[in-house]
Amino acid sequence: QGIKERLNVNVEFSPPEHIVPPLPGTEDRHVFVETMGRVSFFHYDPYAQVLSKITRGFERDLTDAHAFVASGMVAPHTLRSLVEQIPDATYARYPNLSRLAVIEALEAFLDDLE
């Protein structure tokens, strides 16, 4: 918080599930970074991060999503499979988002990779 204020930048911390429906198995895909003392640091599930970035669709988000794929952290076919596994009923918790909108954003992103 102090760094945000000193640098006068707006940073909002929210998990991808605040933006898009959770992907099956998210809790098992967090990526270990390092342990310092008694604290371990992890990247949040890269697939969940990419889905939230694709759905938001801002240029910076899409650039980040492409970097996840280019780095090998996210495999396109796995991402598609995980998104297809989201139950229809889950979308009811996201009134500004539909399954169709998510699938269209995903397919546009995947088409752009080719």
PDB file of N, CA and C in Angstrom:
ATOM      1  N   GLN A   1       0.834  -1.187   0.000  1.00  0.00           N
ATOM      2  CA  GLN A   1       0.000   0.000   0.000  1.00  0.00           C
ATOM      3  C   GLN A   1       0.877   1.249   0.000  1.00  0.00           C
ATOM      4  N   GLY A   2       1.941   1.237   0.808  1.00  0.00           N
ATOM      5  CA  GLY A   2       2.824   2.395   0.890  1.00  0.00           C
ATOM      6  C   GLY A   2       3.490   2.711  -0.440  1.00  0.00           C
ATOM      7  N   ILE A   3       3.911   1.681  -1.140  1.00  0.00           N
ATOM      8  CA  ILE A   3       4.554   1.881  -2.444  1.00  0.00           C
ATOM      9  C   ILE A   3       3.572   2.509  -3.424  1.00  0.00           C
ATOM     10  N   LYS A   4       2.325   2.027  -3.419  1.00  0.00           N
ATOM     11  CA  LYS A   4       1.296   2.596  -4.308  1.00  0.00           C
ATOM     12  C   LYS A   4       1.156   4.083  -4.057  1.00  0.00           C
ATOM     13  N   GLU A   5       1.117   4.463  -2.796  1.00  0.00           N
ATOM     14  CA  GLU A   5       0.924   5.877  -2.452  1.00  0.00           C
ATOM     15  C   GLU A   5       2.150   6.711  -2.799  1.00  0.00           C
ATOM     16  N   ARG A   6       3.354   6.199  -2.506  1.00  0.00           N
ATOM     17  CA  ARG A   6       4.575   6.944  -2.829  1.00  0.00           C
ATOM     18  C   ARG A   6       4.723   7.156  -4.330  1.00  0.00           C
ATOM     19  N   LEU A   7       4.375   6.146  -5.117  1.00  0.00           N
ATOM     20  CA  LEU A   7       4.503   6.249  -6.567  1.00  0.00           C
ATOM     21  C   LEU A   7       3.280   6.868  -7.226  1.00  0.00           C
ATOM     22  N   ASN A   8       2.231   7.065  -6.424  1.00  0.00           N
ATOM     23  CA  ASN A   8       0.988   7.649  -6.926  1.00  0.00           C
ATOM     24  C   ASN A   8       0.448   6.866  -8.124  1.00  0.00           C
ATOM     25  N   VAL A   9       0.361   5.538  -7.954  1.00  0.00           N
ATOM     26  CA  VAL A   9      -0.196   4.685  -9.000  1.00  0.00           C
ATOM     27  C   VAL A   9      -1.426   3.964  -8.462  1.00  0.00           C
ATOM     28  N   ASN A  10      -2.294   3.627  -9.364  1.00  0.00           N
ATOM     29  CA  ASN A  10      -3.504   2.891  -9.000  1.00  0.00           C
ATOM     30  C   ASN A  10      -3.296   1.426  -9.311  1.00  0.00           C
ATOM     31  N   VAL A  11      -3.265   0.621  -8.270  1.00  0.00           N
ATOM     32  CA  VAL A  11      -3.133  -0.819  -8.426  1.00  0.00           C
ATOM     33  C   VAL A  11      -4.279  -1.451  -7.656  1.00  0.00           C
ATOM     34  N   GLU A  12      -5.031  -2.283  -8.332  1.00  0.00           N
ATOM     35  CA  GLU A  12      -6.130  -2.963  -7.666  1.00  0.00           C
ATOM     36  C   GLU A  12      -5.823  -4.445  -7.611  1.00  0.00           C
ATOM     37  N   PHE A  13      -5.912  -4.989  -6.410  1.00  0.00           N
ATOM     38  CA  PHE A  13      -5.645  -6.396  -6.214  1.00  0.00           C
ATOM     39  C   PHE A  13      -6.969  -7.135  -6.155  1.00  0.00           C
ATOM     40  N   SER A  14      -7.190  -7.971  -7.137  1.00  0.00           N
ATOM     41  CA  SER A  14      -8.399  -8.789  -7.120  1.00  0.00           C
ATOM     42  C   SER A  14      -8.111 -10.066  -7.893  1.00  0.00           C
ATOM     43  N   PRO A  15      -8.598 -11.179  -7.374  1.00  0.00           N
ATOM     44  CA  PRO A  15      -8.371 -12.435  -8.090  1.00  0.00           C
ATOM     45  C   PRO A  15      -9.194 -12.465  -9.376  1.00  0.00           C
ATOM     46  N   PRO A  16      -8.751 -13.238 -10.354  1.00  0.00           N
ATOM     47  CA  PRO A  16      -9.488 -13.328 -11.613  1.00  0.00           C
ATOM     48  C   PRO A  16     -10.968 -13.690 -11.430  1.00  0.00           C
ATOM     49  N   GLU A  17     -11.286 -14.453 -10.374  1.00  0.00           N
ATOM     50  CA  GLU A  17     -12.679 -14.867 -10.167  1.00  0.00           C
ATOM     51  C   GLU A  17     -13.610 -13.692  -9.863  1.00  0.00           C
ATOM     52  N   HIS A  18     -13.047 -12.514  -9.596  1.00  0.00           N
ATOM     53  CA  HIS A  18     -13.891 -11.327  -9.445  1.00  0.00           C
ATOM     54  C   HIS A  18     -14.301 -10.789 -10.804  1.00  0.00           C
ATOM     55  N   ILE A  19     -13.630 -11.251 -11.857  1.00  0.00           N
ATOM     56  CA  ILE A  19     -13.873 -10.746 -13.205  1.00  0.00           C
ATOM     57  C   ILE A  19     -14.555 -11.798 -14.081  1.00  0.00           C
ATOM     58  N   VAL A  20     -14.106 -13.030 -13.968  1.00  0.00           N
ATOM     59  CA  VAL A  20     -14.626 -14.137 -14.792  1.00  0.00           C
ATOM     60  C   VAL A  20     -14.915 -15.349 -13.906  1.00  0.00           C
ATOM     61  N   PRO A  21     -15.733 -16.272 -14.400  1.00  0.00           N
ATOM     62  CA  PRO A  21     -15.994 -17.490 -13.625  1.00  0.00           C
ATOM     63  C   PRO A  21     -14.701 -18.260 -13.363  1.00  0.00           C
ATOM     64  N   PRO A  22     -14.629 -18.921 -12.212  1.00  0.00           N
ATOM     65  CA  PRO A  22     -13.421 -19.693 -11.910  1.00  0.00           C
ATOM     66  C   PRO A  22     -13.265 -20.888 -12.848  1.00  0.00           C
ATOM     67  N   LEU A  23     -12.035 -21.198 -13.141  1.00  0.00           N
ATOM     68  CA  LEU A  23     -11.731 -22.360 -13.971  1.00  0.00           C
ATOM     69  C   LEU A  23     -11.583 -23.587 -13.075  1.00  0.00           C
ATOM     70  N   PRO A  24     -11.978 -24.745 -13.581  1.00  0.00           N
ATOM     71  CA  PRO A  24     -11.796 -25.969 -12.789  1.00  0.00           C
ATOM     72  C   PRO A  24     -10.321 -26.188 -12.461  1.00  0.00           C
ATOM     73  N   GLY A  25     -10.035 -26.513 -11.209  1.00  0.00           N
ATOM     74  CA  GLY A  25      -8.677 -26.844 -10.808  1.00  0.00           C
ATOM     75  C   GLY A  25      -7.732 -25.677 -10.601  1.00  0.00           C
ATOM     76  N   THR A  26      -8.260 -24.455 -10.562  1.00  0.00           N
ATOM     77  CA  THR A  26      -7.404 -23.275 -10.391  1.00  0.00           C
ATOM     78  C   THR A  26      -6.450 -23.434  -9.213  1.00  0.00           C
ATOM     79  N   GLU A  27      -6.972 -23.910  -8.105  1.00  0.00           N
ATOM     80  CA  GLU A  27      -6.146 -23.996  -6.887  1.00  0.00           C
ATOM     81  C   GLU A  27      -4.935 -24.915  -7.059  1.00  0.00           C
ATOM     82  N   ASP A  28      -4.969 -25.783  -8.045  1.00  0.00           N
ATOM     83  CA  ASP A  28      -3.851 -26.703  -8.278  1.00  0.00           C
ATOM     84  C   ASP A  28      -2.831 -26.167  -9.294  1.00  0.00           C
ATOM     85  N   ARG A  29      -3.112 -25.009  -9.886  1.00  0.00           N
ATOM     86  CA  ARG A  29      -2.223 -24.489 -10.930  1.00  0.00           C
ATOM     87  C   ARG A  29      -1.447 -23.241 -10.522  1.00  0.00           C
ATOM     88  N   HIS A  30      -1.476 -22.869  -9.257  1.00  0.00           N
ATOM     89  CA  HIS A  30      -0.653 -21.740  -8.826  1.00  0.00           C
ATOM     90  C   HIS A  30       0.816 -22.133  -9.002  1.00  0.00           C
ATOM     91  N   VAL A  31       1.632 -21.204  -9.441  1.00  0.00           N
ATOM     92  CA  VAL A  31       3.023 -21.502  -9.779  1.00  0.00           C
ATOM     93  C   VAL A  31       3.949 -20.964  -8.677  1.00  0.00           C
ATOM     94  N   PHE A  32       4.697 -21.868  -8.063  1.00  0.00           N
ATOM     95  CA  PHE A  32       5.626 -21.493  -6.998  1.00  0.00           C
ATOM     96  C   PHE A  32       6.702 -20.560  -7.536  1.00  0.00           C
ATOM     97  N   VAL A  33       7.007 -19.499  -6.777  1.00  0.00           N
ATOM     98  CA  VAL A  33       8.059 -18.558  -7.151  1.00  0.00           C
ATOM     99  C   VAL A  33       9.265 -18.754  -6.237  1.00  0.00           C
ATOM    100  N   GLU A  34       9.069 -18.554  -4.945  1.00  0.00           N
ATOM    101  CA  GLU A  34      10.160 -18.743  -3.994  1.00  0.00           C
ATOM    102  C   GLU A  34       9.637 -18.682  -2.572  1.00  0.00           C
ATOM    103  N   THR A  35      10.482 -19.096  -1.650  1.00  0.00           N
ATOM    104  CA  THR A  35      10.172 -18.994  -0.229  1.00  0.00           C
ATOM    105  C   THR A  35      11.197 -18.073   0.406  1.00  0.00           C
ATOM    106  N   MET A  36      10.709 -17.133   1.193  1.00  0.00           N
ATOM    107  CA  MET A  36      11.570 -16.228   1.942  1.00  0.00           C
ATOM    108  C   MET A  36      11.169 -16.362   3.406  1.00  0.00           C
ATOM    109  N   GLY A  37      12.046 -16.932   4.171  1.00  0.00           N
ATOM    110  CA  GLY A  37      11.705 -17.177   5.571  1.00  0.00           C
ATOM    111  C   GLY A  37      10.571 -18.181   5.642  1.00  0.00           C
ATOM    112  N   ARG A  38       9.501 -17.769   6.306  1.00  0.00           N
ATOM    113  CA  ARG A  38       8.350 -18.666   6.446  1.00  0.00           C
ATOM    114  C   ARG A  38       7.235 -18.351   5.449  1.00  0.00           C
ATOM    115  N   VAL A  39       7.532 -17.500   4.467  1.00  0.00           N
ATOM    116  CA  VAL A  39       6.521 -17.093   3.495  1.00  0.00           C
ATOM    117  C   VAL A  39       6.869 -17.636   2.112  1.00  0.00           C
ATOM    118  N   SER A  40       5.919 -18.296   1.486  1.00  0.00           N
ATOM    119  CA  SER A  40       6.097 -18.776   0.116  1.00  0.00           C
ATOM    120  C   SER A  40       5.287 -17.907  -0.825  1.00  0.00           C
ATOM    121  N   PHE A  41       5.848 -17.626  -1.989  1.00  0.00           N
ATOM    122  CA  PHE A  41       5.199 -16.789  -2.985  1.00  0.00           C
ATOM    123  C   PHE A  41       4.844 -17.625  -4.205  1.00  0.00           C
ATOM    124  N   PHE A  42       3.648 -17.368  -4.737  1.00  0.00           N
ATOM    125  CA  PHE A  42       3.147 -18.083  -5.899  1.00  0.00           C
ATOM    126  C   PHE A  42       2.556 -17.101  -6.892  1.00  0.00           C
ATOM    127  N   HIS A  43       2.670 -17.423  -8.187  1.00  0.00           N
ATOM    128  CA  HIS A  43       1.877 -16.750  -9.209  1.00  0.00           C
ATOM    129  C   HIS A  43       0.496 -17.380  -9.145  1.00  0.00           C
ATOM    130  N   TYR A  44      -0.535 -16.555  -9.223  1.00  0.00           N
ATOM    131  CA  TYR A  44      -1.886 -17.083  -9.291  1.00  0.00           C
ATOM    132  C   TYR A  44      -2.015 -17.889 -10.584  1.00  0.00           C
ATOM    133  N   ASP A  45      -2.896 -18.842 -10.610  1.00  0.00           N
ATOM    134  CA  ASP A  45      -3.109 -19.710 -11.773  1.00  0.00           C
ATOM    135  C   ASP A  45      -2.987 -18.918 -13.081  1.00  0.00           C
ATOM    136  N   PRO A  46      -1.983 -19.225 -13.913  1.00  0.00           N
ATOM    137  CA  PRO A  46      -1.805 -18.471 -15.153  1.00  0.00           C
ATOM    138  C   PRO A  46      -2.999 -18.580 -16.102  1.00  0.00           C
ATOM    139  N   TYR A  47      -3.691 -19.709 -16.097  1.00  0.00           N
ATOM    140  CA  TYR A  47      -4.854 -19.851 -16.981  1.00  0.00           C
ATOM    141  C   TYR A  47      -5.977 -18.909 -16.554  1.00  0.00           C
ATOM    142  N   ALA A  48      -6.189 -18.775 -15.263  1.00  0.00           N
ATOM    143  CA  ALA A  48      -7.207 -17.851 -14.761  1.00  0.00           C
ATOM    144  C   ALA A  48      -6.814 -16.405 -15.080  1.00  0.00           C
ATOM    145  N   GLN A  49      -5.523 -16.104 -14.936  1.00  0.00           N
ATOM    146  CA  GLN A  49      -5.059 -14.753 -15.261  1.00  0.00           C
ATOM    147  C   GLN A  49      -5.304 -14.440 -16.739  1.00  0.00           C
ATOM    148  N   VAL A  50      -4.945 -15.380 -17.596  1.00  0.00           N
ATOM    149  CA  VAL A  50      -5.108 -15.155 -19.033  1.00  0.00           C
ATOM    150  C   VAL A  50      -6.580 -15.001 -19.396  1.00  0.00           C
ATOM    151  N   LEU A  51      -7.442 -15.835 -18.834  1.00  0.00           N
ATOM    152  CA  LEU A  51      -8.867 -15.704 -19.143  1.00  0.00           C
ATOM    153  C   LEU A  51      -9.390 -14.332 -18.730  1.00  0.00           C
ATOM    154  N   SER A  52      -9.010 -13.847 -17.560  1.00  0.00           N
ATOM    155  CA  SER A  52      -9.491 -12.530 -17.138  1.00  0.00           C
ATOM    156  C   SER A  52      -8.950 -11.437 -18.056  1.00  0.00           C
ATOM    157  N   LYS A  53      -7.714 -11.565 -18.497  1.00  0.00           N
ATOM    158  CA  LYS A  53      -7.137 -10.567 -19.396  1.00  0.00           C
ATOM    159  C   LYS A  53      -7.815 -10.588 -20.766  1.00  0.00           C
ATOM    160  N   ILE A  54      -8.070 -11.785 -21.274  1.00  0.00           N
ATOM    161  CA  ILE A  54      -8.742 -11.913 -22.570  1.00  0.00           C
ATOM    162  C   ILE A  54     -10.144 -11.317 -22.503  1.00  0.00           C
ATOM    163  N   THR A  55     -10.836 -11.588 -21.428  1.00  0.00           N
ATOM    164  CA  THR A  55     -12.210 -11.115 -21.293  1.00  0.00           C
ATOM    165  C   THR A  55     -12.263  -9.599 -21.158  1.00  0.00           C
ATOM    166  N   ARG A  56     -11.312  -9.021 -20.409  1.00  0.00           N
ATOM    167  CA  ARG A  56     -11.267  -7.551 -20.314  1.00  0.00           C
ATOM    168  C   ARG A  56     -10.961  -6.958 -21.677  1.00  0.00           C
ATOM    169  N   GLY A  57      -9.975  -7.537 -22.368  1.00  0.00           N
ATOM    170  CA  GLY A  57      -9.702  -7.169 -23.747  1.00  0.00           C
ATOM    171  C   GLY A  57      -8.922  -5.894 -23.981  1.00  0.00           C
ATOM    172  N   PHE A  58      -8.358  -5.293 -22.925  1.00  0.00           N
ATOM    173  CA  PHE A  58      -7.539  -4.103 -23.136  1.00  0.00           C
ATOM    174  C   PHE A  58      -6.242  -4.508 -23.835  1.00  0.00           C
ATOM    175  N   GLU A  59      -5.672  -3.600 -24.600  1.00  0.00           N
ATOM    176  CA  GLU A  59      -4.467  -3.919 -25.365  1.00  0.00           C
ATOM    177  C   GLU A  59      -3.356  -4.458 -24.466  1.00  0.00           C
ATOM    178  N   ARG A  60      -3.152  -3.816 -23.319  1.00  0.00           N
ATOM    179  CA  ARG A  60      -2.102  -4.263 -22.389  1.00  0.00           C
ATOM    180  C   ARG A  60      -2.401  -5.678 -21.879  1.00  0.00           C
ATOM    181  N   ASP A  61      -3.684  -5.949 -21.576  1.00  0.00           N
ATOM    182  CA  ASP A  61      -4.072  -7.280 -21.103  1.00  0.00           C
ATOM    183  C   ASP A  61      -3.800  -8.340 -22.169  1.00  0.00           C
ATOM    184  N   LEU A  62      -4.130  -8.032 -23.410  1.00  0.00           N
ATOM    185  CA  LEU A  62      -3.918  -9.002 -24.486  1.00  0.00           C
ATOM    186  C   LEU A  62      -2.428  -9.236 -24.732  1.00  0.00           C
ATOM    187  N   THR A  63      -1.638  -8.186 -24.600  1.00  0.00           N
ATOM    188  CA  THR A  63      -0.185  -8.332 -24.711  1.00  0.00           C
ATOM    189  C   THR A  63       0.327  -9.253 -23.612  1.00  0.00           C
ATOM    190  N   ASP A  64      -0.164  -9.038 -22.392  1.00  0.00           N
ATOM    191  CA  ASP A  64       0.220  -9.909 -21.274  1.00  0.00           C
ATOM    192  C   ASP A  64      -0.205 -11.354 -21.531  1.00  0.00           C
ATOM    193  N   ALA A  65      -1.421 -11.543 -22.033  1.00  0.00           N
ATOM    194  CA  ALA A  65      -1.932 -12.889 -22.303  1.00  0.00           C
ATOM    195  C   ALA A  65      -1.067 -13.585 -23.353  1.00  0.00           C
ATOM    196  N   HIS A  66      -0.682 -12.849 -24.390  1.00  0.00           N
ATOM    197  CA  HIS A  66       0.212 -13.421 -25.402  1.00  0.00           C
ATOM    198  C   HIS A  66       1.547 -13.838 -24.776  1.00  0.00           C
ATOM    199  N   ALA A  67       2.046 -13.045 -23.843  1.00  0.00           N
ATOM    200  CA  ALA A  67       3.317 -13.367 -23.189  1.00  0.00           C
ATOM    201  C   ALA A  67       3.209 -14.656 -22.365  1.00  0.00           C
ATOM    202  N   PHE A  68       2.064 -14.874 -21.719  1.00  0.00           N
ATOM    203  CA  PHE A  68       1.862 -16.121 -20.980  1.00  0.00           C
ATOM    204  C   PHE A  68       1.950 -17.318 -21.925  1.00  0.00           C
ATOM    205  N   VAL A  69       1.348 -17.195 -23.099  1.00  0.00           N
ATOM    206  CA  VAL A  69       1.386 -18.290 -24.069  1.00  0.00           C
ATOM    207  C   VAL A  69       2.810 -18.460 -24.612  1.00  0.00           C
ATOM    208  N   ALA A  70       3.443 -17.357 -24.990  1.00  0.00           N
ATOM    209  CA  ALA A  70       4.791 -17.417 -25.553  1.00  0.00           C
ATOM    210  C   ALA A  70       5.793 -18.016 -24.564  1.00  0.00           C
ATOM    211  N   SER A  71       5.576 -17.767 -23.271  1.00  0.00           N
ATOM    212  CA  SER A  71       6.501 -18.291 -22.250  1.00  0.00           C
ATOM    213  C   SER A  71       6.285 -19.775 -21.981  1.00  0.00           C
ATOM    214  N   GLY A  72       5.160 -20.319 -22.458  1.00  0.00           N
ATOM    215  CA  GLY A  72       4.848 -21.716 -22.206  1.00  0.00           C
ATOM    216  C   GLY A  72       4.059 -21.951 -20.923  1.00  0.00           C
ATOM    217  N   MET A  73       3.758 -20.875 -20.191  1.00  0.00           N
ATOM    218  CA  MET A  73       2.982 -21.036 -18.954  1.00  0.00           C
ATOM    219  C   MET A  73       1.537 -21.430 -19.239  1.00  0.00           C
ATOM    220  N   VAL A  74       1.042 -21.052 -20.428  1.00  0.00           N
ATOM    221  CA  VAL A  74      -0.337 -21.350 -20.811  1.00  0.00           C
ATOM    222  C   VAL A  74      -0.334 -22.017 -22.181  1.00  0.00           C
ATOM    223  N   ALA A  75      -0.971 -23.176 -22.252  1.00  0.00           N
ATOM    224  CA  ALA A  75      -1.127 -23.885 -23.522  1.00  0.00           C
ATOM    225  C   ALA A  75      -2.516 -23.567 -24.067  1.00  0.00           C
ATOM    226  N   PRO A  76      -2.607 -23.070 -25.298  1.00  0.00           N
ATOM    227  CA  PRO A  76      -3.902 -22.677 -25.855  1.00  0.00           C
ATOM    228  C   PRO A  76      -4.968 -23.766 -25.784  1.00  0.00           C
ATOM    229  N   HIS A  77      -4.618 -25.013 -26.123  1.00  0.00           N
ATOM    230  CA  HIS A  77      -5.627 -26.083 -26.120  1.00  0.00           C
ATOM    231  C   HIS A  77      -6.130 -26.368 -24.707  1.00  0.00           C
ATOM    232  N   THR A  78      -5.265 -26.235 -23.712  1.00  0.00           N
ATOM    233  CA  THR A  78      -5.685 -26.434 -22.321  1.00  0.00           C
ATOM    234  C   THR A  78      -6.587 -25.293 -21.876  1.00  0.00           C
ATOM    235  N   LEU A  79      -6.244 -24.085 -22.263  1.00  0.00           N
ATOM    236  CA  LEU A  79      -7.080 -22.931 -21.923  1.00  0.00           C
ATOM    237  C   LEU A  79      -8.489 -23.120 -22.480  1.00  0.00           C
ATOM    238  N   ARG A  80      -8.584 -23.499 -23.748  1.00  0.00           N
ATOM    239  CA  ARG A  80      -9.896 -23.713 -24.364  1.00  0.00           C
ATOM    240  C   ARG A  80     -10.675 -24.793 -23.603  1.00  0.00           C
ATOM    241  N   SER A  81     -10.011 -25.882 -23.286  1.00  0.00           N
ATOM    242  CA  SER A  81     -10.665 -26.976 -22.573  1.00  0.00           C
ATOM    243  C   SER A  81     -11.178 -26.525 -21.206  1.00  0.00           C
ATOM    244  N   LEU A  82     -10.375 -25.768 -20.476  1.00  0.00           N
ATOM    245  CA  LEU A  82     -10.791 -25.298 -19.154  1.00  0.00           C
ATOM    246  C   LEU A  82     -11.993 -24.363 -19.246  1.00  0.00           C
ATOM    247  N   VAL A  83     -11.982 -23.470 -20.217  1.00  0.00           N
ATOM    248  CA  VAL A  83     -13.100 -22.540 -20.392  1.00  0.00           C
ATOM    249  C   VAL A  83     -14.369 -23.304 -20.751  1.00  0.00           C
ATOM    250  N   GLU A  84     -14.247 -24.300 -21.604  1.00  0.00           N
ATOM    251  CA  GLU A  84     -15.420 -25.096 -21.999  1.00  0.00           C
ATOM    252  C   GLU A  84     -16.005 -25.871 -20.820  1.00  0.00           C
ATOM    253  N   GLN A  85     -15.205 -26.125 -19.783  1.00  0.00           N
ATOM    254  CA  GLN A  85     -15.676 -26.868 -18.606  1.00  0.00           C
ATOM    255  C   GLN A  85     -16.413 -25.998 -17.586  1.00  0.00           C
ATOM    256  N   ILE A  86     -16.424 -24.691 -17.771  1.00  0.00           N
ATOM    257  CA  ILE A  86     -17.136 -23.820 -16.830  1.00  0.00           C
ATOM    258  C   ILE A  86     -18.628 -24.112 -16.966  1.00  0.00           C
ATOM    259  N   PRO A  87     -19.285 -24.499 -15.878  1.00  0.00           N
ATOM    260  CA  PRO A  87     -20.725 -24.800 -15.959  1.00  0.00           C
ATOM    261  C   PRO A  87     -21.542 -23.557 -16.328  1.00  0.00           C
ATOM    262  N   ASP A  88     -22.564 -23.748 -17.148  1.00  0.00           N
ATOM    263  CA  ASP A  88     -23.424 -22.627 -17.550  1.00  0.00           C
ATOM    264  C   ASP A  88     -23.976 -21.877 -16.344  1.00  0.00           C
ATOM    265  N   ALA A  89     -24.370 -22.600 -15.302  1.00  0.00           N
ATOM    266  CA  ALA A  89     -24.971 -21.971 -14.129  1.00  0.00           C
ATOM    267  C   ALA A  89     -24.016 -20.992 -13.436  1.00  0.00           C
ATOM    268  N   THR A  90     -22.725 -21.206 -13.596  1.00  0.00           N
ATOM    269  CA  THR A  90     -21.734 -20.329 -12.960  1.00  0.00           C
ATOM    270  C   THR A  90     -21.831 -18.907 -13.494  1.00  0.00           C
ATOM    271  N   TYR A  91     -22.199 -18.764 -14.742  1.00  0.00           N
ATOM    272  CA  TYR A  91     -22.270 -17.433 -15.359  1.00  0.00           C
ATOM    273  C   TYR A  91     -23.350 -16.561 -14.719  1.00  0.00           C
ATOM    274  N   ALA A  92     -24.307 -17.155 -14.010  1.00  0.00           N
ATOM    275  CA  ALA A  92     -25.364 -16.387 -13.356  1.00  0.00           C
ATOM    276  C   ALA A  92     -24.790 -15.417 -12.323  1.00  0.00           C
ATOM    277  N   ARG A  93     -23.622 -15.735 -11.777  1.00  0.00           N
ATOM    278  CA  ARG A  93     -22.987 -14.852 -10.789  1.00  0.00           C
ATOM    279  C   ARG A  93     -22.267 -13.672 -11.438  1.00  0.00           C
ATOM    280  N   TYR A  94     -22.240 -13.638 -12.755  1.00  0.00           N
ATOM    281  CA  TYR A  94     -21.547 -12.581 -13.500  1.00  0.00           C
ATOM    282  C   TYR A  94     -22.534 -11.935 -14.462  1.00  0.00           C
ATOM    283  N   PRO A  95     -23.390 -11.045 -13.961  1.00  0.00           N
ATOM    284  CA  PRO A  95     -24.482 -10.504 -14.789  1.00  0.00           C
ATOM    285  C   PRO A  95     -24.030  -9.735 -16.027  1.00  0.00           C
ATOM    286  N   ASN A  96     -22.799  -9.236 -16.039  1.00  0.00           N
ATOM    287  CA  ASN A  96     -22.311  -8.492 -17.203  1.00  0.00           C
ATOM    288  C   ASN A  96     -21.507  -9.357 -18.164  1.00  0.00           C
ATOM    289  N   LEU A  97     -21.586 -10.678 -17.952  1.00  0.00           N
ATOM    290  CA  LEU A  97     -20.782 -11.592 -18.744  1.00  0.00           C
ATOM    291  C   LEU A  97     -21.611 -12.810 -19.131  1.00  0.00           C
ATOM    292  N   SER A  98     -21.474 -13.250 -20.341  1.00  0.00           N
ATOM    293  CA  SER A  98     -22.193 -14.448 -20.782  1.00  0.00           C
ATOM    294  C   SER A  98     -21.188 -15.474 -21.286  1.00  0.00           C
ATOM    295  N   ARG A  99     -21.625 -16.712 -21.318  1.00  0.00           N
ATOM    296  CA  ARG A  99     -20.769 -17.766 -21.877  1.00  0.00           C
ATOM    297  C   ARG A  99     -20.365 -17.391 -23.306  1.00  0.00           C
ATOM    298  N   LEU A 100     -21.323 -16.903 -24.096  1.00  0.00           N
ATOM    299  CA  LEU A 100     -21.035 -16.539 -25.479  1.00  0.00           C
ATOM    300  C   LEU A 100     -19.952 -15.471 -25.559  1.00  0.00           C
ATOM    301  N   ALA A 101     -20.027 -14.456 -24.709  1.00  0.00           N
ATOM    302  CA  ALA A 101     -19.029 -13.383 -24.729  1.00  0.00           C
ATOM    303  C   ALA A 101     -17.637 -13.921 -24.381  1.00  0.00           C
ATOM    304  N   VAL A 102     -17.575 -14.820 -23.406  1.00  0.00           N
ATOM    305  CA  VAL A 102     -16.294 -15.402 -23.007  1.00  0.00           C
ATOM    306  C   VAL A 102     -15.727 -16.257 -24.144  1.00  0.00           C
ATOM    307  N   ILE A 103     -16.568 -17.093 -24.731  1.00  0.00           N
ATOM    308  CA  ILE A 103     -16.109 -17.961 -25.831  1.00  0.00           C
ATOM    309  C   ILE A 103     -15.652 -17.118 -27.020  1.00  0.00           C
ATOM    310  N   GLU A 104     -16.403 -16.073 -27.352  1.00  0.00           N
ATOM    311  CA  GLU A 104     -16.009 -15.211 -28.479  1.00  0.00           C
ATOM    312  C   GLU A 104     -14.667 -14.532 -28.216  1.00  0.00           C
ATOM    313  N   ALA A 105     -14.465 -14.026 -26.994  1.00  0.00           N
ATOM    314  CA  ALA A 105     -13.202 -13.384 -26.650  1.00  0.00           C
ATOM    315  C   ALA A 105     -12.055 -14.389 -26.706  1.00  0.00           C
ATOM    316  N   LEU A 106     -12.317 -15.599 -26.203  1.00  0.00           N
ATOM    317  CA  LEU A 106     -11.298 -16.651 -26.228  1.00  0.00           C
ATOM    318  C   LEU A 106     -10.932 -17.018 -27.659  1.00  0.00           C
ATOM    319  N   GLU A 107     -11.925 -17.234 -28.499  1.00  0.00           N
ATOM    320  CA  GLU A 107     -11.656 -17.625 -29.884  1.00  0.00           C
ATOM    321  C   GLU A 107     -10.929 -16.528 -30.645  1.00  0.00           C
ATOM    322  N   ALA A 108     -11.281 -15.275 -30.399  1.00  0.00           N
ATOM    323  CA  ALA A 108     -10.565 -14.169 -31.061  1.00  0.00           C
ATOM    324  C   ALA A 108      -9.106 -14.152 -30.638  1.00  0.00           C
ATOM    325  N   PHE A 109      -8.870 -14.379 -29.347  1.00  0.00           N
ATOM    326  CA  PHE A 109      -7.495 -14.431 -28.845  1.00  0.00           C
ATOM    327  C   PHE A 109      -6.728 -15.591 -29.473  1.00  0.00           C
ATOM    328  N   LEU A 110      -7.333 -16.761 -29.487  1.00  0.00           N
ATOM    329  CA  LEU A 110      -6.663 -17.941 -30.048  1.00  0.00           C
ATOM    330  C   LEU A 110      -6.412 -17.785 -31.545  1.00  0.00           C
ATOM    331  N   ASP A 111      -7.365 -17.174 -32.268  1.00  0.00           N
ATOM    332  CA  ASP A 111      -7.170 -16.918 -33.696  1.00  0.00           C
ATOM    333  C   ASP A 111      -5.999 -15.979 -33.918  1.00  0.00           C
ATOM    334  N   ASP A 112      -5.837 -15.017 -33.008  1.00  0.00           N
ATOM    335  CA  ASP A 112      -4.755 -14.034 -33.121  1.00  0.00           C
ATOM    336  C   ASP A 112      -3.386 -14.677 -32.901  1.00  0.00           C
ATOM    337  N   LEU A 113      -3.365 -15.815 -32.222  1.00  0.00           N
ATOM    338  CA  LEU A 113      -2.083 -16.505 -31.984  1.00  0.00           C
ATOM    339  C   LEU A 113      -1.545 -17.149 -33.244  1.00  0.00           C
ATOM    340  N   GLU A 114      -2.419 -17.458 -34.179  1.00  0.00           N
ATOM    341  CA  GLU A 114      -2.005 -18.179 -35.391  1.00  0.00           C
ATOM    342  C   GLU A 114      -1.374 -17.291 -36.413  1.00  0.00           C
TER     343      GLU A 114
END
